[in-house]
């Protein structure tokens, strides 16, 4: 029993030393100064929550023609200007043969039936 332990230690100890020296040699070849360099430490911070910030609204306003195009593209026909230049551009239009009043916000282009 003692001879098996002695034989195993005679075989395994040189292998362990050889593998250890190879890994330290590889590390020394990569970084000849030392194995630790605080300059290369990467600090891991928890991921910050994503905050969706709304893009700033530009104060440029749509022209009356551009607002009329928006109304036409929304499926209205026979679009006529009722009032432009205020806070809301108003249009008379038809949808499915019925007359409707459509308002358009000239700052963001949103249109709705009044």
PDB file of N, CA and C in Angstrom:
ATOM      1  N   UNK A   1       0.811  -1.180   0.000  1.00  0.00           N
ATOM      2  CA  UNK A   1       0.000   0.000   0.000  1.00  0.00           C
ATOM      3  C   UNK A   1       0.864   1.258   0.000  1.00  0.00           C
ATOM      4  N   UNK A   2       1.898   1.261   0.793  1.00  0.00           N
ATOM      5  CA  UNK A   2       2.819   2.387   0.833  1.00  0.00           C
ATOM      6  C   UNK A   2       3.530   2.565  -0.498  1.00  0.00           C
ATOM      7  N   UNK A   3       3.827   1.465  -1.162  1.00  0.00           N
ATOM      8  CA  UNK A   3       4.531   1.551  -2.441  1.00  0.00           C
ATOM      9  C   UNK A   3       3.645   2.177  -3.516  1.00  0.00           C
ATOM     10  N   UNK A   4       2.316   1.946  -3.474  1.00  0.00           N
ATOM     11  CA  UNK A   4       1.417   2.562  -4.443  1.00  0.00           C
ATOM     12  C   UNK A   4       1.350   4.074  -4.224  1.00  0.00           C
ATOM     13  N   UNK A   5       1.342   4.496  -2.972  1.00  0.00           N
ATOM     14  CA  UNK A   5       1.311   5.923  -2.670  1.00  0.00           C
ATOM     15  C   UNK A   5       2.612   6.586  -3.089  1.00  0.00           C
ATOM     16  N   UNK A   6       3.708   5.933  -2.854  1.00  0.00           N
ATOM     17  CA  UNK A   6       5.008   6.458  -3.244  1.00  0.00           C
ATOM     18  C   UNK A   6       5.112   6.543  -4.760  1.00  0.00           C
ATOM     19  N   UNK A   7       4.659   5.532  -5.472  1.00  0.00           N
ATOM     20  CA  UNK A   7       4.704   5.512  -6.928  1.00  0.00           C
ATOM     21  C   UNK A   7       3.817   6.625  -7.507  1.00  0.00           C
ATOM     22  N   UNK A   8       2.642   6.817  -6.924  1.00  0.00           N
ATOM     23  CA  UNK A   8       1.733   7.854  -7.412  1.00  0.00           C
ATOM     24  C   UNK A   8       2.327   9.237  -7.182  1.00  0.00           C
ATOM     25  N   UNK A   9       2.938   9.463  -6.027  1.00  0.00           N
ATOM     26  CA  UNK A   9       3.529  10.771  -5.762  1.00  0.00           C
ATOM     27  C   UNK A   9       4.746  11.026  -6.636  1.00  0.00           C
ATOM     28  N   UNK A  10       5.514   9.982  -6.954  1.00  0.00           N
ATOM     29  CA  UNK A  10       6.689  10.137  -7.823  1.00  0.00           C
ATOM     30  C   UNK A  10       6.250  10.533  -9.233  1.00  0.00           C
ATOM     31  N   UNK A  11       5.093  10.038  -9.670  1.00  0.00           N
ATOM     32  CA  UNK A  11       4.621  10.339 -11.026  1.00  0.00           C
ATOM     33  C   UNK A  11       3.881  11.682 -11.061  1.00  0.00           C
ATOM     34  N   UNK A  12       3.049  11.969 -10.074  1.00  0.00           N
ATOM     35  CA  UNK A  12       2.184  13.139 -10.131  1.00  0.00           C
ATOM     36  C   UNK A  12       2.867  14.441  -9.740  1.00  0.00           C
ATOM     37  N   UNK A  13       3.793  14.423  -8.829  1.00  0.00           N
ATOM     38  CA  UNK A  13       4.442  15.663  -8.396  1.00  0.00           C
ATOM     39  C   UNK A  13       5.232  16.312  -9.533  1.00  0.00           C
ATOM     40  N   UNK A  14       6.044  15.602 -10.291  1.00  0.00           N
ATOM     41  CA  UNK A  14       6.733  16.274 -11.407  1.00  0.00           C
ATOM     42  C   UNK A  14       5.762  16.794 -12.477  1.00  0.00           C
ATOM     43  N   UNK A  15       4.672  16.069 -12.702  1.00  0.00           N
ATOM     44  CA  UNK A  15       3.690  16.556 -13.680  1.00  0.00           C
ATOM     45  C   UNK A  15       3.032  17.845 -13.200  1.00  0.00           C
ATOM     46  N   UNK A  16       2.719  17.913 -11.931  1.00  0.00           N
ATOM     47  CA  UNK A  16       2.118  19.122 -11.380  1.00  0.00           C
ATOM     48  C   UNK A  16       3.052  20.299 -11.444  1.00  0.00           C
ATOM     49  N   UNK A  17       4.327  20.088 -11.147  1.00  0.00           N
ATOM     50  CA  UNK A  17       5.305  21.172 -11.199  1.00  0.00           C
ATOM     51  C   UNK A  17       5.496  21.629 -12.640  1.00  0.00           C
ATOM     52  N   UNK A  18       5.540  20.680 -13.575  1.00  0.00           N
ATOM     53  CA  UNK A  18       5.731  21.033 -14.982  1.00  0.00           C
ATOM     54  C   UNK A  18       4.543  21.831 -15.500  1.00  0.00           C
ATOM     55  N   UNK A  19       3.350  21.445 -15.136  1.00  0.00           N
ATOM     56  CA  UNK A  19       2.187  22.174 -15.621  1.00  0.00           C
ATOM     57  C   UNK A  19       2.109  23.550 -14.974  1.00  0.00           C
ATOM     58  N   UNK A  20       2.500  23.660 -13.708  1.00  0.00           N
ATOM     59  CA  UNK A  20       2.500  24.946 -13.044  1.00  0.00           C
ATOM     60  C   UNK A  20       3.526  25.877 -13.652  1.00  0.00           C
ATOM     61  N   UNK A  21       4.685  25.372 -13.951  1.00  0.00           N
ATOM     62  CA  UNK A  21       5.715  26.238 -14.514  1.00  0.00           C
ATOM     63  C   UNK A  21       5.348  26.663 -15.928  1.00  0.00           C
ATOM     64  N   UNK A  22       4.660  25.837 -16.686  1.00  0.00           N
ATOM     65  CA  UNK A  22       4.249  26.216 -18.040  1.00  0.00           C
ATOM     66  C   UNK A  22       3.224  27.340 -17.978  1.00  0.00           C
ATOM     67  N   UNK A  23       2.295  27.265 -17.026  1.00  0.00           N
ATOM     68  CA  UNK A  23       1.281  28.320 -16.948  1.00  0.00           C
ATOM     69  C   UNK A  23       1.903  29.631 -16.476  1.00  0.00           C
ATOM     70  N   UNK A  24       2.848  29.566 -15.547  1.00  0.00           N
ATOM     71  CA  UNK A  24       3.486  30.807 -15.107  1.00  0.00           C
ATOM     72  C   UNK A  24       4.368  31.368 -16.203  1.00  0.00           C
ATOM     73  N   UNK A  25       4.977  30.496 -16.992  1.00  0.00           N
ATOM     74  CA  UNK A  25       5.791  30.980 -18.105  1.00  0.00           C
ATOM     75  C   UNK A  25       4.926  31.687 -19.132  1.00  0.00           C
ATOM     76  N   UNK A  26       3.774  31.117 -19.419  1.00  0.00           N
ATOM     77  CA  UNK A  26       2.884  31.732 -20.395  1.00  0.00           C
ATOM     78  C   UNK A  26       2.411  33.083 -19.879  1.00  0.00           C
ATOM     79  N   UNK A  27       2.132  33.165 -18.587  1.00  0.00           N
ATOM     80  CA  UNK A  27       1.688  34.431 -18.033  1.00  0.00           C
ATOM     81  C   UNK A  27       2.817  35.450 -18.032  1.00  0.00           C
ATOM     82  N   UNK A  28       4.038  35.013 -17.760  1.00  0.00           N
ATOM     83  CA  UNK A  28       5.167  35.929 -17.775  1.00  0.00           C
ATOM     84  C   UNK A  28       5.460  36.422 -19.177  1.00  0.00           C
ATOM     85  N   UNK A  29       5.235  35.566 -20.172  1.00  0.00           N
ATOM     86  CA  UNK A  29       5.466  36.014 -21.543  1.00  0.00           C
ATOM     87  C   UNK A  29       4.404  37.043 -21.942  1.00  0.00           C
ATOM     88  N   UNK A  30       3.197  36.890 -21.429  1.00  0.00           N
ATOM     89  CA  UNK A  30       2.145  37.841 -21.759  1.00  0.00           C
ATOM     90  C   UNK A  30       2.370  39.164 -21.051  1.00  0.00           C
ATOM     91  N   UNK A  31       2.709  39.111 -19.784  1.00  0.00           N
ATOM     92  CA  UNK A  31       2.931  40.308 -18.998  1.00  0.00           C
ATOM     93  C   UNK A  31       4.239  40.131 -18.245  1.00  0.00           C
ATOM     94  N   UNK A  32       5.348  40.559 -18.808  1.00  0.00           N
ATOM     95  CA  UNK A  32       6.650  40.264 -18.201  1.00  0.00           C
ATOM     96  C   UNK A  32       6.862  40.909 -16.836  1.00  0.00           C
ATOM     97  N   UNK A  33       6.117  41.962 -16.507  1.00  0.00           N
ATOM     98  CA  UNK A  33       6.355  42.628 -15.221  1.00  0.00           C
ATOM     99  C   UNK A  33       5.781  41.835 -14.060  1.00  0.00           C
ATOM    100  N   UNK A  34       4.524  41.464 -14.169  1.00  0.00           N
ATOM    101  CA  UNK A  34       3.905  40.677 -13.108  1.00  0.00           C
ATOM    102  C   UNK A  34       2.575  40.156 -13.621  1.00  0.00           C
ATOM    103  N   UNK A  35       1.923  39.395 -12.796  1.00  0.00           N
ATOM    104  CA  UNK A  35       0.642  38.843 -13.219  1.00  0.00           C
ATOM    105  C   UNK A  35      -0.513  39.766 -12.836  1.00  0.00           C
ATOM    106  N   UNK A  36      -0.248  40.806 -12.067  1.00  0.00           N
ATOM    107  CA  UNK A  36      -1.309  41.708 -11.630  1.00  0.00           C
ATOM    108  C   UNK A  36      -0.975  43.118 -12.060  1.00  0.00           C
ATOM    109  N   UNK A  37      -1.900  43.720 -12.726  1.00  0.00           N
ATOM    110  CA  UNK A  37      -1.724  45.105 -13.122  1.00  0.00           C
ATOM    111  C   UNK A  37      -3.054  45.812 -12.868  1.00  0.00           C
ATOM    112  N   UNK A  38      -3.124  46.700 -11.879  1.00  0.00           N
ATOM    113  CA  UNK A  38      -4.405  47.331 -11.561  1.00  0.00           C
ATOM    114  C   UNK A  38      -4.945  48.203 -12.688  1.00  0.00           C
ATOM    115  N   UNK A  39      -4.099  48.576 -13.630  1.00  0.00           N
ATOM    116  CA  UNK A  39      -4.542  49.390 -14.757  1.00  0.00           C
ATOM    117  C   UNK A  39      -5.556  48.629 -15.606  1.00  0.00           C
ATOM    118  N   UNK A  40      -5.452  47.302 -15.648  1.00  0.00           N
ATOM    119  CA  UNK A  40      -6.322  46.509 -16.485  1.00  0.00           C
ATOM    120  C   UNK A  40      -7.508  45.921 -15.735  1.00  0.00           C
ATOM    121  N   UNK A  41      -7.689  46.313 -14.488  1.00  0.00           N
ATOM    122  CA  UNK A  41      -8.863  45.826 -13.760  1.00  0.00           C
ATOM    123  C   UNK A  41     -10.107  46.448 -14.370  1.00  0.00           C
ATOM    124  N   UNK A  42     -11.104  45.645 -14.606  1.00  0.00           N
ATOM    125  CA  UNK A  42     -12.354  46.130 -15.171  1.00  0.00           C
ATOM    126  C   UNK A  42     -13.368  46.184 -14.046  1.00  0.00           C
ATOM    127  N   UNK A  43     -13.865  47.366 -13.764  1.00  0.00           N
ATOM    128  CA  UNK A  43     -14.861  47.515 -12.711  1.00  0.00           C
ATOM    129  C   UNK A  43     -16.218  47.174 -13.297  1.00  0.00           C
ATOM    130  N   UNK A  44     -16.941  46.346 -12.608  1.00  0.00           N
ATOM    131  CA  UNK A  44     -18.261  45.928 -13.066  1.00  0.00           C
ATOM    132  C   UNK A  44     -19.291  46.654 -12.220  1.00  0.00           C
ATOM    133  N   UNK A  45     -20.067  47.486 -12.872  1.00  0.00           N
ATOM    134  CA  UNK A  45     -21.113  48.227 -12.198  1.00  0.00           C
ATOM    135  C   UNK A  45     -22.455  47.636 -12.603  1.00  0.00           C
ATOM    136  N   UNK A  46     -23.435  47.729 -11.758  1.00  0.00           N
ATOM    137  CA  UNK A  46     -24.768  47.261 -12.166  1.00  0.00           C
ATOM    138  C   UNK A  46     -25.270  48.125 -13.316  1.00  0.00           C
ATOM    139  N   UNK A  47     -26.012  47.498 -14.214  1.00  0.00           N
ATOM    140  CA  UNK A  47     -26.490  48.201 -15.394  1.00  0.00           C
ATOM    141  C   UNK A  47     -27.487  49.272 -14.968  1.00  0.00           C
ATOM    142  N   UNK A  48     -27.273  50.471 -15.452  1.00  0.00           N
ATOM    143  CA  UNK A  48     -28.153  51.579 -15.124  1.00  0.00           C
ATOM    144  C   UNK A  48     -29.491  51.404 -15.828  1.00  0.00           C
ATOM    145  N   UNK A  49     -30.562  51.810 -15.196  1.00  0.00           N
ATOM    146  CA  UNK A  49     -31.860  51.686 -15.859  1.00  0.00           C
ATOM    147  C   UNK A  49     -31.924  52.604 -17.073  1.00  0.00           C
ATOM    148  N   UNK A  50     -32.592  52.138 -18.095  1.00  0.00           N
ATOM    149  CA  UNK A  50     -32.719  52.925 -19.313  1.00  0.00           C
ATOM    150  C   UNK A  50     -33.831  53.935 -19.101  1.00  0.00           C
ATOM    151  N   UNK A  51     -33.509  55.171 -19.310  1.00  0.00           N
ATOM    152  CA  UNK A  51     -34.512  56.223 -19.188  1.00  0.00           C
ATOM    153  C   UNK A  51     -34.789  56.751 -20.582  1.00  0.00           C
ATOM    154  N   UNK A  52     -36.033  56.611 -20.991  1.00  0.00           N
ATOM    155  CA  UNK A  52     -36.414  57.102 -22.310  1.00  0.00           C
ATOM    156  C   UNK A  52     -36.719  58.591 -22.196  1.00  0.00           C
ATOM    157  N   UNK A  53     -35.881  59.365 -22.800  1.00  0.00           N
ATOM    158  CA  UNK A  53     -36.068  60.805 -22.764  1.00  0.00           C
ATOM    159  C   UNK A  53     -36.713  61.220 -24.072  1.00  0.00           C
ATOM    160  N   UNK A  54     -37.799  61.939 -23.959  1.00  0.00           N
ATOM    161  CA  UNK A  54     -38.498  62.370 -25.152  1.00  0.00           C
ATOM    162  C   UNK A  54     -37.654  63.425 -25.860  1.00  0.00           C
ATOM    163  N   UNK A  55     -37.601  63.301 -27.162  1.00  0.00           N
ATOM    164  CA  UNK A  55     -36.844  64.265 -27.949  1.00  0.00           C
ATOM    165  C   UNK A  55     -37.468  65.644 -27.776  1.00  0.00           C
ATOM    166  N   UNK A  56     -36.634  66.667 -27.736  1.00  0.00           N
ATOM    167  CA  UNK A  56     -37.198  68.005 -27.548  1.00  0.00           C
ATOM    168  C   UNK A  56     -38.088  68.380 -28.731  1.00  0.00           C
ATOM    169  N   UNK A  57     -39.199  69.005 -28.415  1.00  0.00           N
ATOM    170  CA  UNK A  57     -40.150  69.411 -29.441  1.00  0.00           C
ATOM    171  C   UNK A  57     -39.647  70.705 -30.071  1.00  0.00           C
ATOM    172  N   UNK A  58     -39.530  70.691 -31.368  1.00  0.00           N
ATOM    173  CA  UNK A  58     -39.125  71.911 -32.062  1.00  0.00           C
ATOM    174  C   UNK A  58     -40.348  72.806 -32.221  1.00  0.00           C
ATOM    175  N   UNK A  59     -40.135  74.059 -32.196  1.00  0.00           N
ATOM    176  CA  UNK A  59     -41.245  74.990 -32.279  1.00  0.00           C
ATOM    177  C   UNK A  59     -41.609  75.335 -33.715  1.00  0.00           C
ATOM    178  N   UNK A  60     -40.993  74.665 -34.669  1.00  0.00           N
ATOM    179  CA  UNK A  60     -41.362  74.890 -36.057  1.00  0.00           C
ATOM    180  C   UNK A  60     -42.754  74.319 -36.282  1.00  0.00           C
ATOM    181  N   UNK A  61     -43.562  75.042 -37.017  1.00  0.00           N
ATOM    182  CA  UNK A  61     -44.935  74.618 -37.231  1.00  0.00           C
ATOM    183  C   UNK A  61     -45.115  74.187 -38.683  1.00  0.00           C
ATOM    184  N   UNK A  62     -46.076  73.294 -38.881  1.00  0.00           N
ATOM    185  CA  UNK A  62     -46.411  72.863 -40.237  1.00  0.00           C
ATOM    186  C   UNK A  62     -47.066  74.016 -40.979  1.00  0.00           C
ATOM    187  N   UNK A  63     -46.833  74.053 -42.264  1.00  0.00           N
ATOM    188  CA  UNK A  63     -47.557  75.028 -43.070  1.00  0.00           C
ATOM    189  C   UNK A  63     -48.987  74.542 -43.241  1.00  0.00           C
ATOM    190  N   UNK A  64     -49.842  75.429 -43.712  1.00  0.00           N
ATOM    191  CA  UNK A  64     -51.243  75.063 -43.920  1.00  0.00           C
ATOM    192  C   UNK A  64     -51.349  73.986 -45.002  1.00  0.00           C
ATOM    193  N   UNK A  65     -50.510  74.069 -46.023  1.00  0.00           N
ATOM    194  CA  UNK A  65     -50.524  73.058 -47.087  1.00  0.00           C
ATOM    195  C   UNK A  65     -50.102  71.693 -46.559  1.00  0.00           C
ATOM    196  N   UNK A  66     -49.069  71.665 -45.709  1.00  0.00           N
ATOM    197  CA  UNK A  66     -48.603  70.391 -45.153  1.00  0.00           C
ATOM    198  C   UNK A  66     -49.673  69.776 -44.257  1.00  0.00           C
ATOM    199  N   UNK A  67     -50.381  70.596 -43.490  1.00  0.00           N
ATOM    200  CA  UNK A  67     -51.454  70.081 -42.642  1.00  0.00           C
ATOM    201  C   UNK A  67     -52.590  69.529 -43.500  1.00  0.00           C
ATOM    202  N   UNK A  68     -52.903  70.203 -44.623  1.00  0.00           N
ATOM    203  CA  UNK A  68     -53.924  69.689 -45.544  1.00  0.00           C
ATOM    204  C   UNK A  68     -53.526  68.357 -46.149  1.00  0.00           C
ATOM    205  N   UNK A  69     -52.227  68.185 -46.441  1.00  0.00           N
ATOM    206  CA  UNK A  69     -51.738  66.897 -46.958  1.00  0.00           C
ATOM    207  C   UNK A  69     -51.909  65.793 -45.931  1.00  0.00           C
ATOM    208  N   UNK A  70     -51.683  66.117 -44.672  1.00  0.00           N
ATOM    209  CA  UNK A  70     -51.867  65.122 -43.606  1.00  0.00           C
ATOM    210  C   UNK A  70     -53.322  64.670 -43.569  1.00  0.00           C
ATOM    211  N   UNK A  71     -54.245  65.625 -43.695  1.00  0.00           N
ATOM    212  CA  UNK A  71     -55.670  65.282 -43.681  1.00  0.00           C
ATOM    213  C   UNK A  71     -56.001  64.388 -44.878  1.00  0.00           C
ATOM    214  N   UNK A  72     -55.485  64.719 -46.051  1.00  0.00           N
ATOM    215  CA  UNK A  72     -55.746  63.893 -47.244  1.00  0.00           C
ATOM    216  C   UNK A  72     -55.150  62.500 -47.095  1.00  0.00           C
ATOM    217  N   UNK A  73     -53.977  62.399 -46.513  1.00  0.00           N
ATOM    218  CA  UNK A  73     -53.335  61.093 -46.339  1.00  0.00           C
ATOM    219  C   UNK A  73     -54.057  60.246 -45.284  1.00  0.00           C
ATOM    220  N   UNK A  74     -54.840  60.895 -44.428  1.00  0.00           N
ATOM    221  CA  UNK A  74     -55.622  60.142 -43.439  1.00  0.00           C
ATOM    222  C   UNK A  74     -56.916  59.596 -44.022  1.00  0.00           C
ATOM    223  N   UNK A  75     -57.159  59.824 -45.307  1.00  0.00           N
ATOM    224  CA  UNK A  75     -58.315  59.220 -45.961  1.00  0.00           C
ATOM    225  C   UNK A  75     -59.491  60.148 -46.162  1.00  0.00           C
ATOM    226  N   UNK A  76     -59.321  61.425 -45.982  1.00  0.00           N
ATOM    227  CA  UNK A  76     -60.403  62.381 -46.192  1.00  0.00           C
ATOM    228  C   UNK A  76     -60.347  62.907 -47.625  1.00  0.00           C
ATOM    229  N   UNK A  77     -61.525  63.312 -48.145  1.00  0.00           N
ATOM    230  CA  UNK A  77     -61.623  63.821 -49.519  1.00  0.00           C
ATOM    231  C   UNK A  77     -62.204  65.232 -49.483  1.00  0.00           C
ATOM    232  N   UNK A  78     -62.049  65.955 -50.590  1.00  0.00           N
ATOM    233  CA  UNK A  78     -62.566  67.326 -50.732  1.00  0.00           C
ATOM    234  C   UNK A  78     -62.145  68.194 -49.549  1.00  0.00           C
ATOM    235  N   UNK A  79     -60.866  68.214 -49.272  1.00  0.00           N
ATOM    236  CA  UNK A  79     -60.333  68.943 -48.118  1.00  0.00           C
ATOM    237  C   UNK A  79     -60.289  70.428 -48.451  1.00  0.00           C
ATOM    238  N   UNK A  80     -60.899  71.267 -47.591  1.00  0.00           N
ATOM    239  CA  UNK A  80     -60.901  72.715 -47.757  1.00  0.00           C
ATOM    240  C   UNK A  80     -60.441  73.351 -46.452  1.00  0.00           C
ATOM    241  N   UNK A  81     -59.677  74.413 -46.582  1.00  0.00           N
ATOM    242  CA  UNK A  81     -59.160  75.105 -45.402  1.00  0.00           C
ATOM    243  C   UNK A  81     -60.287  75.915 -44.779  1.00  0.00           C
ATOM    244  N   UNK A  82     -60.462  75.750 -43.480  1.00  0.00           N
ATOM    245  CA  UNK A  82     -61.433  76.562 -42.745  1.00  0.00           C
ATOM    246  C   UNK A  82     -60.707  77.659 -41.978  1.00  0.00           C
ATOM    247  N   UNK A  83     -59.606  77.286 -41.306  1.00  0.00           N
ATOM    248  CA  UNK A  83     -58.830  78.277 -40.554  1.00  0.00           C
ATOM    249  C   UNK A  83     -57.411  77.739 -40.371  1.00  0.00           C
ATOM    250  N   UNK A  84     -56.427  78.592 -40.618  1.00  0.00           N
ATOM    251  CA  UNK A  84     -55.021  78.209 -40.416  1.00  0.00           C
ATOM    252  C   UNK A  84     -54.300  79.324 -39.686  1.00  0.00           C
ATOM    253  N   UNK A  85     -53.191  78.986 -39.065  1.00  0.00           N
ATOM    254  CA  UNK A  85     -52.344  79.981 -38.430  1.00  0.00           C
ATOM    255  C   UNK A  85     -52.549  80.114 -36.938  1.00  0.00           C
ATOM    256  N   UNK A  86     -53.528  79.457 -36.362  1.00  0.00           N
ATOM    257  CA  UNK A  86     -53.747  79.530 -34.924  1.00  0.00           C
ATOM    258  C   UNK A  86     -53.069  78.357 -34.228  1.00  0.00           C
ATOM    259  N   UNK A  87     -53.596  78.028 -33.062  1.00  0.00           N
ATOM    260  CA  UNK A  87     -53.047  76.873 -32.336  1.00  0.00           C
ATOM    261  C   UNK A  87     -53.430  75.573 -32.999  1.00  0.00           C
ATOM    262  N   UNK A  88     -54.554  75.586 -33.737  1.00  0.00           N
ATOM    263  CA  UNK A  88     -55.051  74.397 -34.428  1.00  0.00           C
ATOM    264  C   UNK A  88     -55.461  74.808 -35.828  1.00  0.00           C
ATOM    265  N   UNK A  89     -55.061  74.029 -36.822  1.00  0.00           N
ATOM    266  CA  UNK A  89     -55.506  74.257 -38.198  1.00  0.00           C
ATOM    267  C   UNK A  89     -56.786  73.463 -38.408  1.00  0.00           C
ATOM    268  N   UNK A  90     -57.818  74.122 -38.937  1.00  0.00           N
ATOM    269  CA  UNK A  90     -59.116  73.460 -39.104  1.00  0.00           C
ATOM    270  C   UNK A  90     -59.422  73.301 -40.589  1.00  0.00           C
ATOM    271  N   UNK A  91     -59.985  72.141 -40.915  1.00  0.00           N
ATOM    272  CA  UNK A  91     -60.307  71.825 -42.306  1.00  0.00           C
ATOM    273  C   UNK A  91     -61.707  71.236 -42.376  1.00  0.00           C
ATOM    274  N   UNK A  92     -62.415  71.544 -43.487  1.00  0.00           N
ATOM    275  CA  UNK A  92     -63.650  70.849 -43.830  1.00  0.00           C
ATOM    276  C   UNK A  92     -63.253  69.744 -44.783  1.00  0.00           C
ATOM    277  N   UNK A  93     -63.825  68.569 -44.585  1.00  0.00           N
ATOM    278  CA  UNK A  93     -63.495  67.445 -45.456  1.00  0.00           C
ATOM    279  C   UNK A  93     -64.668  66.479 -45.486  1.00  0.00           C
ATOM    280  N   UNK A  94     -64.538  65.450 -46.316  1.00  0.00           N
ATOM    281  CA  UNK A  94     -65.566  64.413 -46.394  1.00  0.00           C
ATOM    282  C   UNK A  94     -64.914  63.051 -46.182  1.00  0.00           C
ATOM    283  N   UNK A  95     -65.663  62.198 -45.490  1.00  0.00           N
ATOM    284  CA  UNK A  95     -65.241  60.803 -45.348  1.00  0.00           C
ATOM    285  C   UNK A  95     -66.500  59.942 -45.467  1.00  0.00           C
ATOM    286  N   UNK A  96     -66.452  58.991 -46.380  1.00  0.00           N
ATOM    287  CA  UNK A  96     -67.590  58.107 -46.657  1.00  0.00           C
ATOM    288  C   UNK A  96     -68.841  58.906 -47.024  1.00  0.00           C
ATOM    289  N   UNK A  97     -68.625  60.033 -47.710  1.00  0.00           N
ATOM    290  CA  UNK A  97     -69.740  60.842 -48.171  1.00  0.00           C
ATOM    291  C   UNK A  97     -70.325  61.770 -47.124  1.00  0.00           C
ATOM    292  N   UNK A  98     -69.794  61.802 -45.919  1.00  0.00           N
ATOM    293  CA  UNK A  98     -70.306  62.659 -44.845  1.00  0.00           C
ATOM    294  C   UNK A  98     -69.322  63.797 -44.579  1.00  0.00           C
ATOM    295  N   UNK A  99     -69.831  65.039 -44.445  1.00  0.00           N
ATOM    296  CA  UNK A  99     -68.935  66.161 -44.135  1.00  0.00           C
ATOM    297  C   UNK A  99     -68.470  66.098 -42.675  1.00  0.00           C
ATOM    298  N   UNK A 100     -67.200  66.378 -42.468  1.00  0.00           N
ATOM    299  CA  UNK A 100     -66.624  66.392 -41.115  1.00  0.00           C
ATOM    300  C   UNK A 100     -65.687  67.576 -40.984  1.00  0.00           C
ATOM    301  N   UNK A 101     -65.441  67.974 -39.749  1.00  0.00           N
ATOM    302  CA  UNK A 101     -64.425  68.985 -39.456  1.00  0.00           C
ATOM    303  C   UNK A 101     -63.206  68.265 -38.889  1.00  0.00           C
ATOM    304  N   UNK A 102     -62.040  68.539 -39.459  1.00  0.00           N
ATOM    305  CA  UNK A 102     -60.806  67.885 -39.021  1.00  0.00           C
ATOM    306  C   UNK A 102     -59.865  68.957 -38.501  1.00  0.00           C
ATOM    307  N   UNK A 103     -59.343  68.733 -37.310  1.00  0.00           N
ATOM    308  CA  UNK A 103     -58.368  69.640 -36.715  1.00  0.00           C
ATOM    309  C   UNK A 103     -56.986  68.999 -36.783  1.00  0.00           C
ATOM    310  N   UNK A 104     -55.976  69.826 -37.007  1.00  0.00           N
ATOM    311  CA  UNK A 104     -54.589  69.360 -37.069  1.00  0.00           C
ATOM    312  C   UNK A 104     -53.759  70.254 -36.157  1.00  0.00           C
ATOM    313  N   UNK A 105     -52.983  69.628 -35.292  1.00  0.00           N
ATOM    314  CA  UNK A 105     -52.045  70.373 -34.461  1.00  0.00           C
ATOM    315  C   UNK A 105     -50.821  70.676 -35.323  1.00  0.00           C
ATOM    316  N   UNK A 106     -50.536  71.947 -35.614  1.00  0.00           N
ATOM    317  CA  UNK A 106     -49.426  72.257 -36.519  1.00  0.00           C
ATOM    318  C   UNK A 106     -48.045  72.035 -35.902  1.00  0.00           C
ATOM    319  N   UNK A 107     -47.985  71.838 -34.595  1.00  0.00           N
ATOM    320  CA  UNK A 107     -46.677  71.609 -33.963  1.00  0.00           C
ATOM    321  C   UNK A 107     -46.216  70.166 -34.067  1.00  0.00           C
ATOM    322  N   UNK A 108     -47.153  69.203 -34.050  1.00  0.00           N
ATOM    323  CA  UNK A 108     -46.730  67.808 -34.114  1.00  0.00           C
ATOM    324  C   UNK A 108     -47.403  67.010 -35.221  1.00  0.00           C
ATOM    325  N   UNK A 109     -48.391  67.592 -35.918  1.00  0.00           N
ATOM    326  CA  UNK A 109     -49.006  66.913 -37.052  1.00  0.00           C
ATOM    327  C   UNK A 109     -50.124  65.949 -36.685  1.00  0.00           C
ATOM    328  N   UNK A 110     -50.570  65.900 -35.446  1.00  0.00           N
ATOM    329  CA  UNK A 110     -51.659  65.008 -35.054  1.00  0.00           C
ATOM    330  C   UNK A 110     -52.967  65.570 -35.573  1.00  0.00           C
ATOM    331  N   UNK A 111     -53.773  64.702 -36.181  1.00  0.00           N
ATOM    332  CA  UNK A 111     -55.058  65.119 -36.725  1.00  0.00           C
ATOM    333  C   UNK A 111     -56.176  64.354 -36.028  1.00  0.00           C
ATOM    334  N   UNK A 112     -57.324  65.017 -35.836  1.00  0.00           N
ATOM    335  CA  UNK A 112     -58.468  64.375 -35.222  1.00  0.00           C
ATOM    336  C   UNK A 112     -59.739  65.015 -35.761  1.00  0.00           C
ATOM    337  N   UNK A 113     -60.823  64.264 -35.682  1.00  0.00           N
ATOM    338  CA  UNK A 113     -62.118  64.754 -36.128  1.00  0.00           C
ATOM    339  C   UNK A 113     -62.734  65.540 -34.984  1.00  0.00           C
ATOM    340  N   UNK A 114     -63.112  66.768 -35.278  1.00  0.00           N
ATOM    341  CA  UNK A 114     -63.661  67.643 -34.232  1.00  0.00           C
ATOM    342  C   UNK A 114     -65.137  67.368 -34.019  1.00  0.00           C
TER     343      UNK A 114
END
